Amino acid sequence: MAGDPDSPSGRHINIHFSPEIMAGVYANFANVSHSDYEFTVTFARVDHEVEEEEVPGVVVSRVNLSPRFMRELIDAMEDNYAKWQTREGIRNLPERGDQPPPPPGDTPTS
């Protein structure tokens, strides 16, 4: 991915942003669309607690990406998600003592 220290060129991207941008935005919904030339990812905050047929939401960001960058982003997200899953799996091991013991009579299955 861009700015990767393991990339052959060894280049580093130095990105600066304002405190407002650094704070980020919250999204709990995303929609991905594409054309022949680009992908568009629209992030929104949706109120899932509403019991109505039409769920209200507000777009918090929309990002257009080239197909090549979309592939790099997917790869980076898969890599980071796998690392997160591994860390969460280790955190939830019974040996760590983070989980309560299973109810009596329950035996773990493999």
Protein backbone atom coordinates (compact mmCIF):
# COMPACT_ATOMS: atom_id res chain seq x y z
CA MET A 1 0.00 0.00 0.00
CA ALA A 2 1.12 3.57 -0.46
CA GLY A 3 3.72 4.56 2.12
CA ASP A 4 4.56 0.94 2.96
CA PRO A 5 8.10 0.83 4.37
CA ASP A 6 8.52 -2.66 2.82
CA SER A 7 7.82 -1.32 -0.67
CA PRO A 8 10.68 -1.58 -3.16
CA SER A 9 11.08 2.19 -3.47
CA GLY A 10 11.44 2.70 0.29
CA ARG A 11 9.53 6.00 0.03
CA HIS A 12 7.56 7.26 3.01
CA ILE A 13 4.47 9.43 2.76
CA ASN A 14 4.29 12.13 5.43
CA ILE A 15 0.63 13.09 5.89
CA HIS A 16 -0.51 16.05 7.99
CA PHE A 17 -4.09 16.91 8.90
CA SER A 18 -6.05 19.26 11.13
CA PRO A 19 -7.30 18.25 14.60
CA GLU A 20 -10.87 18.24 13.23
CA ILE A 21 -9.94 15.69 10.60
CA MET A 22 -7.83 13.73 13.10
CA ALA A 23 -10.93 13.26 15.27
CA GLY A 24 -12.51 11.26 12.45
CA VAL A 25 -16.17 10.45 11.97
CA TYR A 26 -18.26 7.48 13.11
CA ALA A 27 -19.93 5.24 10.53
CA ASN A 28 -21.87 2.03 11.08
CA PHE A 29 -22.93 1.54 7.46
CA ALA A 30 -21.09 1.58 4.15
CA ASN A 31 -22.18 1.26 0.55
CA VAL A 32 -19.77 0.43 -2.27
CA SER A 33 -20.54 1.23 -5.90
CA HIS A 34 -18.40 1.36 -9.04
CA SER A 35 -18.18 2.59 -12.59
CA ASP A 36 -15.79 1.55 -15.33
CA TYR A 37 -13.15 3.92 -13.91
CA GLU A 38 -13.58 4.17 -10.14
CA PHE A 39 -15.05 2.80 -6.94
CA THR A 40 -17.08 4.92 -4.55
CA VAL A 41 -17.39 4.06 -0.85
CA THR A 42 -20.11 5.97 0.99
CA PHE A 43 -19.97 5.89 4.79
CA ALA A 44 -23.05 6.72 6.86
CA ARG A 45 -24.28 6.79 10.42
CA VAL A 46 -27.58 4.90 10.60
CA ASP A 47 -30.03 4.76 13.52
CA HIS A 48 -30.78 1.02 13.72
CA GLU A 49 -32.93 1.43 16.84
CA VAL A 50 -35.80 3.01 14.88
CA GLU A 51 -38.73 0.62 14.48
CA GLU A 52 -39.95 2.25 11.25
CA GLU A 53 -39.75 0.69 7.79
CA GLU A 54 -37.43 3.45 6.56
CA VAL A 55 -34.27 3.68 8.68
CA PRO A 56 -32.87 7.22 8.99
CA GLY A 57 -29.21 7.86 8.31
CA VAL A 58 -26.75 10.58 7.40
CA VAL A 59 -23.75 10.32 5.06
CA VAL A 60 -20.58 11.21 6.96
CA SER A 61 -18.06 10.68 4.14
CA ARG A 62 -17.78 9.59 0.53
CA VAL A 63 -14.50 8.43 -0.99
CA ASN A 64 -13.72 7.80 -4.67
CA LEU A 65 -10.89 5.36 -5.41
CA SER A 66 -9.12 4.07 -8.50
CA PRO A 67 -9.46 0.30 -9.07
CA ARG A 68 -5.76 -0.18 -8.26
CA PHE A 69 -6.04 1.68 -4.96
CA MET A 70 -9.26 -0.21 -4.12
CA ARG A 71 -7.32 -3.49 -4.45
CA GLU A 72 -4.54 -2.13 -2.19
CA LEU A 73 -7.13 -0.97 0.35
CA ILE A 74 -8.87 -4.36 0.39
CA ASP A 75 -5.50 -6.11 0.91
CA ALA A 76 -4.59 -3.76 3.76
CA MET A 77 -8.01 -4.20 5.40
CA GLU A 78 -7.83 -8.01 5.14
CA ASP A 79 -4.33 -7.97 6.66
CA ASN A 80 -5.37 -5.71 9.54
CA TYR A 81 -8.59 -7.65 10.17
CA ALA A 82 -6.64 -10.93 10.34
CA LYS A 83 -4.23 -9.37 12.86
CA TRP A 84 -7.18 -8.11 14.92
CA GLN A 85 -8.85 -11.55 14.84
CA THR A 86 -5.63 -13.18 16.00
CA ARG A 87 -5.24 -10.72 18.86
CA GLU A 88 -8.89 -11.14 19.91
CA GLY A 89 -8.56 -14.93 19.71
CA ILE A 90 -5.50 -14.86 21.96
CA ARG A 91 -7.23 -12.44 24.34
CA ASN A 92 -10.20 -14.82 24.64
CA LEU A 93 -8.22 -17.99 25.34
CA PRO A 94 -9.32 -19.69 28.58
CA GLU A 95 -5.70 -19.71 29.83
CA ARG A 96 -5.76 -15.92 29.99
CA GLY A 97 -8.56 -15.96 32.54
CA ASP A 98 -10.55 -13.33 30.63
CA GLN A 99 -13.55 -15.59 30.19
CA PRO A 100 -15.78 -17.14 32.82
CA PRO A 101 -15.57 -20.94 33.05
CA PRO A 102 -18.07 -22.92 30.95
CA PRO A 103 -21.30 -23.98 32.69
CA PRO A 104 -21.17 -27.38 34.45
CA GLY A 105 -21.65 -30.26 32.05
CA ASP A 106 -20.46 -28.29 29.01
CA THR A 107 -17.42 -29.73 27.32
CA PRO A 108 -15.49 -27.87 24.65
CA THR A 109 -15.63 -29.34 21.16
CA SER A 110 -12.90 -29.23 18.58
